């Protein structure tokens, strides 16, 4: 299928699909006319990539997940490839830590803003 059809089927922009390809997350074969041609199975792969992006993972992290031969595209680990499980676990753990740090930072910012709001309201 051509890139425009893939974009329509997945709700992903052509620009994003080209970016995913440039980052090595997806592959297309080239037709004689230079057009990209995608296999039908790529639709699920695009959906998985988008799921990972929505979870806040970057394309390098996603690449490490989707390139591991012991995982399916949804990140489910084949028990015969424990190194893949370790890899994904490290990525997820790092992301959780980053979220915790960001939540603390946002909580601090919220507290300071609330103090300012209360101060202004008390001055009225």
PDB file of N, CA and C in Angstrom:
ATOM      1  N   UNK A   1       0.847  -1.176   0.000  1.00  0.00           N
ATOM      2  CA  UNK A   1       0.000   0.000   0.000  1.00  0.00           C
ATOM      3  C   UNK A   1       0.888   1.232   0.000  1.00  0.00           C
ATOM      4  N   UNK A   2       0.394   2.295  -0.577  1.00  0.00           N
ATOM      5  CA  UNK A   2       1.153   3.536  -0.630  1.00  0.00           C
ATOM      6  C   UNK A   2       1.025   4.300   0.678  1.00  0.00           C
ATOM      7  N   UNK A   3       1.908   5.258   0.878  1.00  0.00           N
ATOM      8  CA  UNK A   3       1.981   5.984   2.135  1.00  0.00           C
ATOM      9  C   UNK A   3       0.695   6.756   2.427  1.00  0.00           C
ATOM     10  N   UNK A   4       0.039   7.282   1.402  1.00  0.00           N
ATOM     11  CA  UNK A   4      -1.204   8.032   1.629  1.00  0.00           C
ATOM     12  C   UNK A   4      -2.300   7.127   2.168  1.00  0.00           C
ATOM     13  N   UNK A   5      -2.365   5.900   1.675  1.00  0.00           N
ATOM     14  CA  UNK A   5      -3.364   4.949   2.175  1.00  0.00           C
ATOM     15  C   UNK A   5      -3.037   4.537   3.610  1.00  0.00           C
ATOM     16  N   UNK A   6      -1.765   4.305   3.879  1.00  0.00           N
ATOM     17  CA  UNK A   6      -1.348   3.961   5.235  1.00  0.00           C
ATOM     18  C   UNK A   6      -1.690   5.090   6.201  1.00  0.00           C
ATOM     19  N   UNK A   7      -1.458   6.313   5.773  1.00  0.00           N
ATOM     20  CA  UNK A   7      -1.790   7.471   6.607  1.00  0.00           C
ATOM     21  C   UNK A   7      -3.283   7.503   6.903  1.00  0.00           C
ATOM     22  N   UNK A   8      -4.092   7.267   5.893  1.00  0.00           N
ATOM     23  CA  UNK A   8      -5.545   7.271   6.073  1.00  0.00           C
ATOM     24  C   UNK A   8      -5.992   6.159   7.013  1.00  0.00           C
ATOM     25  N   UNK A   9      -5.454   4.959   6.833  1.00  0.00           N
ATOM     26  CA  UNK A   9      -5.854   3.812   7.655  1.00  0.00           C
ATOM     27  C   UNK A   9      -5.459   3.953   9.118  1.00  0.00           C
ATOM     28  N   UNK A  10      -4.358   4.631   9.364  1.00  0.00           N
ATOM     29  CA  UNK A  10      -3.845   4.711  10.738  1.00  0.00           C
ATOM     30  C   UNK A  10      -4.120   6.054  11.409  1.00  0.00           C
ATOM     31  N   UNK A  11      -4.603   7.026  10.647  1.00  0.00           N
ATOM     32  CA  UNK A  11      -4.823   8.350  11.222  1.00  0.00           C
ATOM     33  C   UNK A  11      -3.508   9.045  11.556  1.00  0.00           C
ATOM     34  N   UNK A  12      -2.462   8.682  10.840  1.00  0.00           N
ATOM     35  CA  UNK A  12      -1.131   9.237  11.059  1.00  0.00           C
ATOM     36  C   UNK A  12      -0.760  10.061   9.831  1.00  0.00           C
ATOM     37  N   UNK A  13      -0.146  11.201  10.037  1.00  0.00           N
ATOM     38  CA  UNK A  13       0.220  12.037   8.895  1.00  0.00           C
ATOM     39  C   UNK A  13       1.315  11.374   8.065  1.00  0.00           C
ATOM     40  N   UNK A  14       1.348  11.717   6.802  1.00  0.00           N
ATOM     41  CA  UNK A  14       2.397  11.227   5.908  1.00  0.00           C
ATOM     42  C   UNK A  14       3.755  11.670   6.449  1.00  0.00           C
ATOM     43  N   UNK A  15       3.812  12.879   6.944  1.00  0.00           N
ATOM     44  CA  UNK A  15       5.062  13.400   7.511  1.00  0.00           C
ATOM     45  C   UNK A  15       5.546  12.534   8.672  1.00  0.00           C
ATOM     46  N   UNK A  16       4.625  12.144   9.558  1.00  0.00           N
ATOM     47  CA  UNK A  16       4.992  11.286  10.691  1.00  0.00           C
ATOM     48  C   UNK A  16       5.466   9.925  10.212  1.00  0.00           C
ATOM     49  N   UNK A  17       4.788   9.376   9.214  1.00  0.00           N
ATOM     50  CA  UNK A  17       5.200   8.074   8.688  1.00  0.00           C
ATOM     51  C   UNK A  17       6.608   8.139   8.103  1.00  0.00           C
ATOM     52  N   UNK A  18       6.907   9.206   7.411  1.00  0.00           N
ATOM     53  CA  UNK A  18       8.265   9.375   6.871  1.00  0.00           C
ATOM     54  C   UNK A  18       9.283   9.504   8.004  1.00  0.00           C
ATOM     55  N   UNK A  19       8.876  10.205   9.061  1.00  0.00           N
ATOM     56  CA  UNK A  19       9.755  10.349  10.227  1.00  0.00           C
ATOM     57  C   UNK A  19      10.002   8.985  10.879  1.00  0.00           C
ATOM     58  N   UNK A  20       8.948   8.192  11.056  1.00  0.00           N
ATOM     59  CA  UNK A  20       9.108   6.852  11.634  1.00  0.00           C
ATOM     60  C   UNK A  20      10.064   6.022  10.792  1.00  0.00           C
ATOM     61  N   UNK A  21       9.930   6.140   9.485  1.00  0.00           N
ATOM     62  CA  UNK A  21      10.820   5.394   8.607  1.00  0.00           C
ATOM     63  C   UNK A  21      12.260   5.885   8.756  1.00  0.00           C
ATOM     64  N   UNK A  22      12.448   7.196   8.812  1.00  0.00           N
ATOM     65  CA  UNK A  22      13.797   7.761   8.972  1.00  0.00           C
ATOM     66  C   UNK A  22      14.427   7.318  10.289  1.00  0.00           C
ATOM     67  N   UNK A  23      13.618   7.132  11.319  1.00  0.00           N
ATOM     68  CA  UNK A  23      14.101   6.703  12.634  1.00  0.00           C
ATOM     69  C   UNK A  23      14.257   5.179  12.714  1.00  0.00           C
ATOM     70  N   UNK A  24      13.886   4.470  11.660  1.00  0.00           N
ATOM     71  CA  UNK A  24      14.048   3.012  11.629  1.00  0.00           C
ATOM     72  C   UNK A  24      12.938   2.248  12.324  1.00  0.00           C
ATOM     73  N   UNK A  25      11.833   2.919  12.631  1.00  0.00           N
ATOM     74  CA  UNK A  25      10.727   2.248  13.316  1.00  0.00           C
ATOM     75  C   UNK A  25       9.871   1.427  12.368  1.00  0.00           C
ATOM     76  N   UNK A  26       9.814   1.840  11.110  1.00  0.00           N
ATOM     77  CA  UNK A  26       9.082   1.095  10.096  1.00  0.00           C
ATOM     78  C   UNK A  26       9.950   1.022   8.843  1.00  0.00           C
ATOM     79  N   UNK A  27       9.594   0.072   7.999  1.00  0.00           N
ATOM     80  CA  UNK A  27      10.331  -0.097   6.743  1.00  0.00           C
ATOM     81  C   UNK A  27       9.335  -0.213   5.596  1.00  0.00           C
ATOM     82  N   UNK A  28       9.746   0.335   4.484  1.00  0.00           N
ATOM     83  CA  UNK A  28       8.957   0.216   3.251  1.00  0.00           C
ATOM     84  C   UNK A  28       9.884  -0.249   2.150  1.00  0.00           C
ATOM     85  N   UNK A  29       9.333  -0.978   1.241  1.00  0.00           N
ATOM     86  CA  UNK A  29      10.144  -1.291   0.068  1.00  0.00           C
ATOM     87  C   UNK A  29       9.833  -0.217  -0.963  1.00  0.00           C
ATOM     88  N   UNK A  30      10.790   0.010  -1.831  1.00  0.00           N
ATOM     89  CA  UNK A  30      10.625   1.027  -2.870  1.00  0.00           C
ATOM     90  C   UNK A  30      10.235   0.367  -4.182  1.00  0.00           C
ATOM     91  N   UNK A  31       9.217   0.922  -4.815  1.00  0.00           N
ATOM     92  CA  UNK A  31       8.801   0.452  -6.125  1.00  0.00           C
ATOM     93  C   UNK A  31       9.729   1.047  -7.180  1.00  0.00           C
ATOM     94  N   UNK A  32       9.632   0.559  -8.383  1.00  0.00           N
ATOM     95  CA  UNK A  32      10.494   1.047  -9.464  1.00  0.00           C
ATOM     96  C   UNK A  32      10.355   2.549  -9.674  1.00  0.00           C
ATOM     97  N   UNK A  33       9.158   3.074  -9.418  1.00  0.00           N
ATOM     98  CA  UNK A  33       8.928   4.506  -9.599  1.00  0.00           C
ATOM     99  C   UNK A  33       9.385   5.334  -8.389  1.00  0.00           C
ATOM    100  N   UNK A  34       9.951   4.671  -7.379  1.00  0.00           N
ATOM    101  CA  UNK A  34      10.453   5.366  -6.192  1.00  0.00           C
ATOM    102  C   UNK A  34       9.438   5.495  -5.069  1.00  0.00           C
ATOM    103  N   UNK A  35       8.197   5.113  -5.321  1.00  0.00           N
ATOM    104  CA  UNK A  35       7.169   5.204  -4.286  1.00  0.00           C
ATOM    105  C   UNK A  35       7.429   4.170  -3.198  1.00  0.00           C
ATOM    106  N   UNK A  36       7.041   4.529  -1.998  1.00  0.00           N
ATOM    107  CA  UNK A  36       7.102   3.579  -0.897  1.00  0.00           C
ATOM    108  C   UNK A  36       5.936   2.601  -1.026  1.00  0.00           C
ATOM    109  N   UNK A  37       6.196   1.346  -0.667  1.00  0.00           N
ATOM    110  CA  UNK A  37       5.151   0.327  -0.672  1.00  0.00           C
ATOM    111  C   UNK A  37       5.203  -0.381   0.671  1.00  0.00           C
ATOM    112  N   UNK A  38       4.091  -0.325   1.399  1.00  0.00           N
ATOM    113  CA  UNK A  38       4.027  -0.907   2.738  1.00  0.00           C
ATOM    114  C   UNK A  38       3.201  -2.173   2.728  1.00  0.00           C
ATOM    115  N   UNK A  39       3.652  -3.137   3.509  1.00  0.00           N
ATOM    116  CA  UNK A  39       2.932  -4.379   3.722  1.00  0.00           C
ATOM    117  C   UNK A  39       1.719  -4.084   4.617  1.00  0.00           C
ATOM    118  N   UNK A  40       0.643  -4.811   4.437  1.00  0.00           N
ATOM    119  CA  UNK A  40      -0.567  -4.594   5.230  1.00  0.00           C
ATOM    120  C   UNK A  40      -0.374  -4.767   6.725  1.00  0.00           C
ATOM    121  N   UNK A  41       0.617  -5.566   7.130  1.00  0.00           N
ATOM    122  CA  UNK A  41       0.845  -5.790   8.567  1.00  0.00           C
ATOM    123  C   UNK A  41       1.398  -4.552   9.265  1.00  0.00           C
ATOM    124  N   UNK A  42       1.812  -3.564   8.511  1.00  0.00           N
ATOM    125  CA  UNK A  42       2.412  -2.375   9.108  1.00  0.00           C
ATOM    126  C   UNK A  42       1.386  -1.523   9.861  1.00  0.00           C
ATOM    127  N   UNK A  43       0.117  -1.707   9.547  1.00  0.00           N
ATOM    128  CA  UNK A  43      -0.933  -0.924  10.211  1.00  0.00           C
ATOM    129  C   UNK A  43      -0.863  -1.138  11.724  1.00  0.00           C
ATOM    130  N   UNK A  44      -0.762  -2.392  12.154  1.00  0.00           N
ATOM    131  CA  UNK A  44      -0.669  -2.669  13.592  1.00  0.00           C
ATOM    132  C   UNK A  44       0.625  -2.116  14.181  1.00  0.00           C
ATOM    133  N   UNK A  45       1.673  -2.153  13.418  1.00  0.00           N
ATOM    134  CA  UNK A  45       2.955  -1.610  13.884  1.00  0.00           C
ATOM    135  C   UNK A  45       2.842  -0.102  14.119  1.00  0.00           C
ATOM    136  N   UNK A  46       2.180   0.600  13.224  1.00  0.00           N
ATOM    137  CA  UNK A  46       1.972   2.042  13.391  1.00  0.00           C
ATOM    138  C   UNK A  46       1.123   2.300  14.632  1.00  0.00           C
ATOM    139  N   UNK A  47       0.110   1.513  14.837  1.00  0.00           N
ATOM    140  CA  UNK A  47      -0.744   1.684  16.027  1.00  0.00           C
ATOM    141  C   UNK A  47       0.061   1.459  17.307  1.00  0.00           C
ATOM    142  N   UNK A  48       0.949   0.488  17.292  1.00  0.00           N
ATOM    143  CA  UNK A  48       1.799   0.245  18.461  1.00  0.00           C
ATOM    144  C   UNK A  48       2.749   1.422  18.693  1.00  0.00           C
ATOM    145  N   UNK A  49       3.338   1.936  17.631  1.00  0.00           N
ATOM    146  CA  UNK A  49       4.224   3.094  17.760  1.00  0.00           C
ATOM    147  C   UNK A  49       3.474   4.269  18.366  1.00  0.00           C
ATOM    148  N   UNK A  50       2.285   4.507  17.878  1.00  0.00           N
ATOM    149  CA  UNK A  50       1.480   5.620  18.416  1.00  0.00           C
ATOM    150  C   UNK A  50       1.125   5.397  19.883  1.00  0.00           C
ATOM    151  N   UNK A  51       0.852   4.133  20.256  1.00  0.00           N
ATOM    152  CA  UNK A  51       0.569   3.832  21.655  1.00  0.00           C
ATOM    153  C   UNK A  51       1.776   4.186  22.520  1.00  0.00           C
ATOM    154  N   UNK A  52       2.973   3.791  22.073  1.00  0.00           N
ATOM    155  CA  UNK A  52       4.188   4.097  22.829  1.00  0.00           C
ATOM    156  C   UNK A  52       4.414   5.603  22.918  1.00  0.00           C
ATOM    157  N   UNK A  53       4.169   6.310  21.833  1.00  0.00           N
ATOM    158  CA  UNK A  53       4.316   7.768  21.859  1.00  0.00           C
ATOM    159  C   UNK A  53       3.340   8.396  22.844  1.00  0.00           C
ATOM    160  N   UNK A  54       2.110   7.897  22.876  1.00  0.00           N
ATOM    161  CA  UNK A  54       1.113   8.402  23.822  1.00  0.00           C
ATOM    162  C   UNK A  54       1.510   8.118  25.267  1.00  0.00           C
ATOM    163  N   UNK A  55       2.310   7.070  25.475  1.00  0.00           N
ATOM    164  CA  UNK A  55       2.819   6.754  26.814  1.00  0.00           C
ATOM    165  C   UNK A  55       4.009   7.647  27.185  1.00  0.00           C
ATOM    166  N   UNK A  56       4.421   8.493  26.235  1.00  0.00           N
ATOM    167  CA  UNK A  56       5.508   9.417  26.509  1.00  0.00           C
ATOM    168  C   UNK A  56       6.890   8.904  26.163  1.00  0.00           C
ATOM    169  N   UNK A  57       6.967   7.753  25.510  1.00  0.00           N
ATOM    170  CA  UNK A  57       8.271   7.237  25.115  1.00  0.00           C
ATOM    171  C   UNK A  57       8.750   7.980  23.867  1.00  0.00           C
ATOM    172  N   UNK A  58      10.056   8.145  23.758  1.00  0.00           N
ATOM    173  CA  UNK A  58      10.588   8.793  22.558  1.00  0.00           C
ATOM    174  C   UNK A  58      10.911   7.735  21.508  1.00  0.00           C
ATOM    175  N   UNK A  59      11.259   8.192  20.312  1.00  0.00           N
ATOM    176  CA  UNK A  59      11.461   7.246  19.216  1.00  0.00           C
ATOM    177  C   UNK A  59      12.684   6.360  19.423  1.00  0.00           C
ATOM    178  N   UNK A  60      13.690   6.836  20.158  1.00  0.00           N
ATOM    179  CA  UNK A  60      14.830   5.966  20.462  1.00  0.00           C
ATOM    180  C   UNK A  60      14.389   4.808  21.354  1.00  0.00           C
ATOM    181  N   UNK A  61      13.601   5.120  22.374  1.00  0.00           N
ATOM    182  CA  UNK A  61      13.100   4.072  23.271  1.00  0.00           C
ATOM    183  C   UNK A  61      12.189   3.105  22.513  1.00  0.00           C
ATOM    184  N   UNK A  62      11.329   3.657  21.678  1.00  0.00           N
ATOM    185  CA  UNK A  62      10.424   2.806  20.899  1.00  0.00           C
ATOM    186  C   UNK A  62      11.235   1.907  19.971  1.00  0.00           C
ATOM    187  N   UNK A  63      12.263   2.454  19.377  1.00  0.00           N
ATOM    188  CA  UNK A  63      13.121   1.671  18.499  1.00  0.00           C
ATOM    189  C   UNK A  63      13.759   0.500  19.222  1.00  0.00           C
ATOM    190  N   UNK A  64      14.189   0.731  20.461  1.00  0.00           N
ATOM    191  CA  UNK A  64      14.784  -0.356  21.243  1.00  0.00           C
ATOM    192  C   UNK A  64      13.747  -1.434  21.543  1.00  0.00           C
ATOM    193  N   UNK A  65      12.511  -1.031  21.734  1.00  0.00           N
ATOM    194  CA  UNK A  65      11.451  -2.005  22.009  1.00  0.00           C
ATOM    195  C   UNK A  65      11.109  -2.796  20.751  1.00  0.00           C
ATOM    196  N   UNK A  66      10.831  -2.092  19.660  1.00  0.00           N
ATOM    197  CA  UNK A  66      10.356  -2.797  18.467  1.00  0.00           C
ATOM    198  C   UNK A  66      11.457  -3.582  17.761  1.00  0.00           C
ATOM    199  N   UNK A  67      12.719  -3.277  18.051  1.00  0.00           N
ATOM    200  CA  UNK A  67      13.805  -4.016  17.405  1.00  0.00           C
ATOM    201  C   UNK A  67      14.173  -5.304  18.131  1.00  0.00           C
ATOM    202  N   UNK A  68      13.682  -5.485  19.334  1.00  0.00           N
ATOM    203  CA  UNK A  68      14.004  -6.686  20.094  1.00  0.00           C
ATOM    204  C   UNK A  68      13.208  -7.862  19.531  1.00  0.00           C
ATOM    205  N   UNK A  69      13.899  -8.887  19.111  1.00  0.00           N
ATOM    206  CA  UNK A  69      13.258 -10.035  18.452  1.00  0.00           C
ATOM    207  C   UNK A  69      12.395 -10.868  19.391  1.00  0.00           C
ATOM    208  N   UNK A  70      12.549 -10.682  20.687  1.00  0.00           N
ATOM    209  CA  UNK A  70      11.777 -11.459  21.644  1.00  0.00           C
ATOM    210  C   UNK A  70      10.506 -10.774  22.104  1.00  0.00           C
ATOM    211  N   UNK A  71      10.104  -9.720  21.384  1.00  0.00           N
ATOM    212  CA  UNK A  71       8.883  -8.998  21.722  1.00  0.00           C
ATOM    213  C   UNK A  71       7.968  -8.956  20.517  1.00  0.00           C
ATOM    214  N   UNK A  72       6.674  -8.918  20.794  1.00  0.00           N
ATOM    215  CA  UNK A  72       5.781  -8.607  19.692  1.00  0.00           C
ATOM    216  C   UNK A  72       5.652  -7.077  19.632  1.00  0.00           C
ATOM    217  N   UNK A  73       4.921  -6.568  18.676  1.00  0.00           N
ATOM    218  CA  UNK A  73       4.869  -5.114  18.500  1.00  0.00           C
ATOM    219  C   UNK A  73       4.225  -4.387  19.674  1.00  0.00           C
ATOM    220  N   UNK A  74       3.502  -5.116  20.517  1.00  0.00           N
ATOM    221  CA  UNK A  74       2.855  -4.485  21.667  1.00  0.00           C
ATOM    222  C   UNK A  74       3.733  -4.559  22.913  1.00  0.00           C
ATOM    223  N   UNK A  75       4.962  -5.039  22.760  1.00  0.00           N
ATOM    224  CA  UNK A  75       5.882  -5.069  23.886  1.00  0.00           C
ATOM    225  C   UNK A  75       5.697  -6.262  24.803  1.00  0.00           C
ATOM    226  N   UNK A  76       4.963  -7.257  24.360  1.00  0.00           N
ATOM    227  CA  UNK A  76       4.780  -8.461  25.164  1.00  0.00           C
ATOM    228  C   UNK A  76       5.984  -9.369  24.944  1.00  0.00           C
ATOM    229  N   UNK A  77       6.560  -9.843  26.038  1.00  0.00           N
ATOM    230  CA  UNK A  77       7.841 -10.547  26.009  1.00  0.00           C
ATOM    231  C   UNK A  77       7.662 -12.040  25.815  1.00  0.00           C
ATOM    232  N   UNK A  78       8.455 -12.593  24.909  1.00  0.00           N
ATOM    233  CA  UNK A  78       8.569 -14.035  24.738  1.00  0.00           C
ATOM    234  C   UNK A  78       9.510 -14.520  25.838  1.00  0.00           C
ATOM    235  N   UNK A  79       9.065 -15.426  26.717  1.00  0.00           N
ATOM    236  CA  UNK A  79       9.902 -15.843  27.846  1.00  0.00           C
ATOM    237  C   UNK A  79      11.241 -16.463  27.446  1.00  0.00           C
ATOM    238  N   UNK A  80      11.387 -16.880  26.204  1.00  0.00           N
ATOM    239  CA  UNK A  80      12.663 -17.456  25.775  1.00  0.00           C
ATOM    240  C   UNK A  80      13.697 -16.377  25.430  1.00  0.00           C
ATOM    241  N   UNK A  81      13.307 -15.113  25.540  1.00  0.00           N
ATOM    242  CA  UNK A  81      14.208 -13.981  25.290  1.00  0.00           C
ATOM    243  C   UNK A  81      14.222 -13.055  26.506  1.00  0.00           C
ATOM    244  N   UNK A  82      14.777 -13.512  27.636  1.00  0.00           N
ATOM    245  CA  UNK A  82      14.710 -12.692  28.855  1.00  0.00           C
ATOM    246  C   UNK A  82      15.397 -11.335  28.716  1.00  0.00           C
ATOM    247  N   UNK A  83      16.408 -11.219  27.829  1.00  0.00           N
ATOM    248  CA  UNK A  83      17.087  -9.931  27.669  1.00  0.00           C
ATOM    249  C   UNK A  83      16.133  -8.872  27.130  1.00  0.00           C
ATOM    250  N   UNK A  84      15.147  -9.280  26.337  1.00  0.00           N
ATOM    251  CA  UNK A  84      14.156  -8.325  25.844  1.00  0.00           C
ATOM    252  C   UNK A  84      13.296  -7.810  26.991  1.00  0.00           C
ATOM    253  N   UNK A  85      12.919  -8.714  27.864  1.00  0.00           N
ATOM    254  CA  UNK A  85      12.138  -8.298  29.028  1.00  0.00           C
ATOM    255  C   UNK A  85      12.915  -7.328  29.893  1.00  0.00           C
ATOM    256  N   UNK A  86      14.199  -7.607  30.077  1.00  0.00           N
ATOM    257  CA  UNK A  86      15.046  -6.707  30.869  1.00  0.00           C
ATOM    258  C   UNK A  86      15.148  -5.339  30.203  1.00  0.00           C
ATOM    259  N   UNK A  87      15.281  -5.327  28.893  1.00  0.00           N
ATOM    260  CA  UNK A  87      15.393  -4.095  28.129  1.00  0.00           C
ATOM    261  C   UNK A  87      14.122  -3.248  28.277  1.00  0.00           C
ATOM    262  N   UNK A  88      12.981  -3.873  28.070  1.00  0.00           N
ATOM    263  CA  UNK A  88      11.707  -3.159  28.165  1.00  0.00           C
ATOM    264  C   UNK A  88      11.455  -2.709  29.601  1.00  0.00           C
ATOM    265  N   UNK A  89      11.772  -3.556  30.543  1.00  0.00           N
ATOM    266  CA  UNK A  89      11.603  -3.190  31.947  1.00  0.00           C
ATOM    267  C   UNK A  89      12.431  -1.962  32.291  1.00  0.00           C
ATOM    268  N   UNK A  90      13.655  -1.895  31.799  1.00  0.00           N
ATOM    269  CA  UNK A  90      14.512  -0.730  32.060  1.00  0.00           C
ATOM    270  C   UNK A  90      13.922   0.532  31.433  1.00  0.00           C
ATOM    271  N   UNK A  91      13.397   0.422  30.227  1.00  0.00           N
ATOM    272  CA  UNK A  91      12.782   1.575  29.564  1.00  0.00           C
ATOM    273  C   UNK A  91      11.565   2.052  30.348  1.00  0.00           C
ATOM    274  N   UNK A  92      10.695   1.129  30.716  1.00  0.00           N
ATOM    275  CA  UNK A  92       9.485   1.495  31.455  1.00  0.00           C
ATOM    276  C   UNK A  92       9.824   2.073  32.828  1.00  0.00           C
ATOM    277  N   UNK A  93      10.787   1.466  33.514  1.00  0.00           N
ATOM    278  CA  UNK A  93      11.179   1.945  34.834  1.00  0.00           C
ATOM    279  C   UNK A  93      11.746   3.354  34.748  1.00  0.00           C
ATOM    280  N   UNK A  94      12.566   3.600  33.750  1.00  0.00           N
ATOM    281  CA  UNK A  94      13.134   4.935  33.559  1.00  0.00           C
ATOM    282  C   UNK A  94      12.026   5.952  33.289  1.00  0.00           C
ATOM    283  N   UNK A  95      11.054   5.579  32.459  1.00  0.00           N
ATOM    284  CA  UNK A  95       9.948   6.487  32.152  1.00  0.00           C
ATOM    285  C   UNK A  95       9.121   6.762  33.399  1.00  0.00           C
ATOM    286  N   UNK A  96       8.866   5.747  34.200  1.00  0.00           N
ATOM    287  CA  UNK A  96       8.114   5.951  35.448  1.00  0.00           C
ATOM    288  C   UNK A  96       8.850   6.902  36.380  1.00  0.00           C
ATOM    289  N   UNK A  97      10.159   6.750  36.479  1.00  0.00           N
ATOM    290  CA  UNK A  97      10.955   7.656  37.312  1.00  0.00           C
ATOM    291  C   UNK A  97      10.840   9.089  36.789  1.00  0.00           C
ATOM    292  N   UNK A  98      10.943   9.254  35.479  1.00  0.00           N
ATOM    293  CA  UNK A  98      10.825  10.587  34.875  1.00  0.00           C
ATOM    294  C   UNK A  98       9.460  11.205  35.169  1.00  0.00           C
ATOM    295  N   UNK A  99       8.421  10.391  35.110  1.00  0.00           N
ATOM    296  CA  UNK A  99       7.070  10.876  35.408  1.00  0.00           C
ATOM    297  C   UNK A  99       6.983  11.320  36.862  1.00  0.00           C
ATOM    298  N   UNK A 100       7.560  10.527  37.780  1.00  0.00           N
ATOM    299  CA  UNK A 100       7.549  10.901  39.200  1.00  0.00           C
ATOM    300  C   UNK A 100       8.235  12.244  39.426  1.00  0.00           C
ATOM    301  N   UNK A 101       9.378  12.441  38.779  1.00  0.00           N
ATOM    302  CA  UNK A 101      10.106  13.708  38.908  1.00  0.00           C
ATOM    303  C   UNK A 101       9.258  14.854  38.365  1.00  0.00           C
ATOM    304  N   UNK A 102       8.665  14.639  37.200  1.00  0.00           N
ATOM    305  CA  UNK A 102       7.835  15.682  36.594  1.00  0.00           C
ATOM    306  C   UNK A 102       6.621  15.998  37.458  1.00  0.00           C
ATOM    307  N   UNK A 103       6.014  14.965  38.059  1.00  0.00           N
ATOM    308  CA  UNK A 103       4.849  15.184  38.916  1.00  0.00           C
ATOM    309  C   UNK A 103       5.232  16.006  40.146  1.00  0.00           C
ATOM    310  N   UNK A 104       6.398  15.721  40.718  1.00  0.00           N
ATOM    311  CA  UNK A 104       6.848  16.514  41.869  1.00  0.00           C
ATOM    312  C   UNK A 104       7.094  17.963  41.467  1.00  0.00           C
ATOM    313  N   UNK A 105       7.704  18.141  40.312  1.00  0.00           N
ATOM    314  CA  UNK A 105       7.972  19.490  39.819  1.00  0.00           C
ATOM    315  C   UNK A 105       6.665  20.237  39.585  1.00  0.00           C
ATOM    316  N   UNK A 106       5.726  19.605  38.942  1.00  0.00           N
ATOM    317  CA  UNK A 106       4.434  20.240  38.685  1.00  0.00           C
ATOM    318  C   UNK A 106       3.683  20.524  39.980  1.00  0.00           C
ATOM    319  N   UNK A 107       3.793  19.632  40.941  1.00  0.00           N
ATOM    320  CA  UNK A 107       3.151  19.860  42.241  1.00  0.00           C
ATOM    321  C   UNK A 107       3.746  21.082  42.937  1.00  0.00           C
ATOM    322  N   UNK A 108       5.064  21.233  42.864  1.00  0.00           N
ATOM    323  CA  UNK A 108       5.724  22.407  43.447  1.00  0.00           C
ATOM    324  C   UNK A 108       5.267  23.687  42.751  1.00  0.00           C
ATOM    325  N   UNK A 109       5.206  23.643  41.431  1.00  0.00           N
ATOM    326  CA  UNK A 109       4.752  24.809  40.673  1.00  0.00           C
ATOM    327  C   UNK A 109       3.319  25.154  41.039  1.00  0.00           C
ATOM    328  N   UNK A 110       2.482  24.133  41.152  1.00  0.00           N
ATOM    329  CA  UNK A 110       1.085  24.352  41.519  1.00  0.00           C
ATOM    330  C   UNK A 110       0.979  24.996  42.898  1.00  0.00           C
ATOM    331  N   UNK A 111       1.764  24.512  43.839  1.00  0.00           N
ATOM    332  CA  UNK A 111       1.738  25.079  45.188  1.00  0.00           C
ATOM    333  C   UNK A 111       2.123  26.556  45.178  1.00  0.00           C
ATOM    334  N   UNK A 112       3.172  26.877  44.433  1.00  0.00           N
ATOM    335  CA  UNK A 112       3.601  28.280  44.360  1.00  0.00           C
ATOM    336  C   UNK A 112       2.552  29.158  43.690  1.00  0.00           C
ATOM    337  N   UNK A 113       1.930  28.652  42.650  1.00  0.00           N
ATOM    338  CA  UNK A 113       0.877  29.417  41.990  1.00  0.00           C
ATOM    339  C   UNK A 113      -0.324  29.621  42.914  1.00  0.00           C
ATOM    340  N   UNK A 114      -0.685  28.576  43.644  1.00  0.00           N
ATOM    341  CA  UNK A 114      -1.794  28.707  44.598  1.00  0.00           C
ATOM    342  C   UNK A 114      -1.482  29.743  45.675  1.00  0.00           C
ATOM    343  N   UNK A 115      -0.238  29.780  46.130  1.00  0.00           N
ATOM    344  CA  UNK A 115       0.162  30.801  47.097  1.00  0.00           C
ATOM    345  C   UNK A 115      -0.028  32.196  46.524  1.00  0.00           C
ATOM    346  N   UNK A 116       0.364  32.381  45.277  1.00  0.00           N
ATOM    347  CA  UNK A 116       0.203  33.685  44.614  1.00  0.00           C
ATOM    348  C   UNK A 116      -1.260  34.048  44.471  1.00  0.00           C
ATOM    349  N   UNK A 117      -2.087  33.075  44.083  1.00  0.00           N
ATOM    350  CA  UNK A 117      -3.519  33.312  43.937  1.00  0.00           C
ATOM    351  C   UNK A 117      -4.121  33.717  45.274  1.00  0.00           C
ATOM    352  N   UNK A 118      -3.792  32.980  46.337  1.00  0.00           N
ATOM    353  CA  UNK A 118      -4.329  33.297  47.666  1.00  0.00           C
ATOM    354  C   UNK A 118      -3.858  34.668  48.130  1.00  0.00           C
ATOM    355  N   UNK A 119      -2.623  35.005  47.855  1.00  0.00           N
ATOM    356  CA  UNK A 119      -2.084  36.299  48.241  1.00  0.00           C
ATOM    357  C   UNK A 119      -2.870  37.418  47.558  1.00  0.00           C
ATOM    358  N   UNK A 120      -3.102  37.261  46.250  1.00  0.00           N
ATOM    359  CA  UNK A 120      -3.847  38.287  45.508  1.00  0.00           C
ATOM    360  C   UNK A 120      -5.280  38.389  46.016  1.00  0.00           C
ATOM    361  N   UNK A 121      -5.914  37.245  46.254  1.00  0.00           N
ATOM    362  CA  UNK A 121      -7.301  37.257  46.753  1.00  0.00           C
ATOM    363  C   UNK A 121      -7.369  37.891  48.137  1.00  0.00           C
ATOM    364  N   UNK A 122      -6.389  37.639  48.985  1.00  0.00           N
ATOM    365  CA  UNK A 122      -6.376  38.206  50.343  1.00  0.00           C
ATOM    366  C   UNK A 122      -6.170  39.716  50.320  1.00  0.00           C
ATOM    367  N   UNK A 123      -5.557  40.229  49.273  1.00  0.00           N
ATOM    368  CA  UNK A 123      -5.306  41.662  49.159  1.00  0.00           C
ATOM    369  C   UNK A 123      -6.546  42.430  48.744  1.00  0.00           C
ATOM    370  N   UNK A 124      -7.557  41.758  48.303  1.00  0.00           N
ATOM    371  CA  UNK A 124      -8.776  42.447  47.831  1.00  0.00           C
ATOM    372  C   UNK A 124      -9.661  42.846  48.947  1.00  0.00           C
TER     373      UNK A 124
END
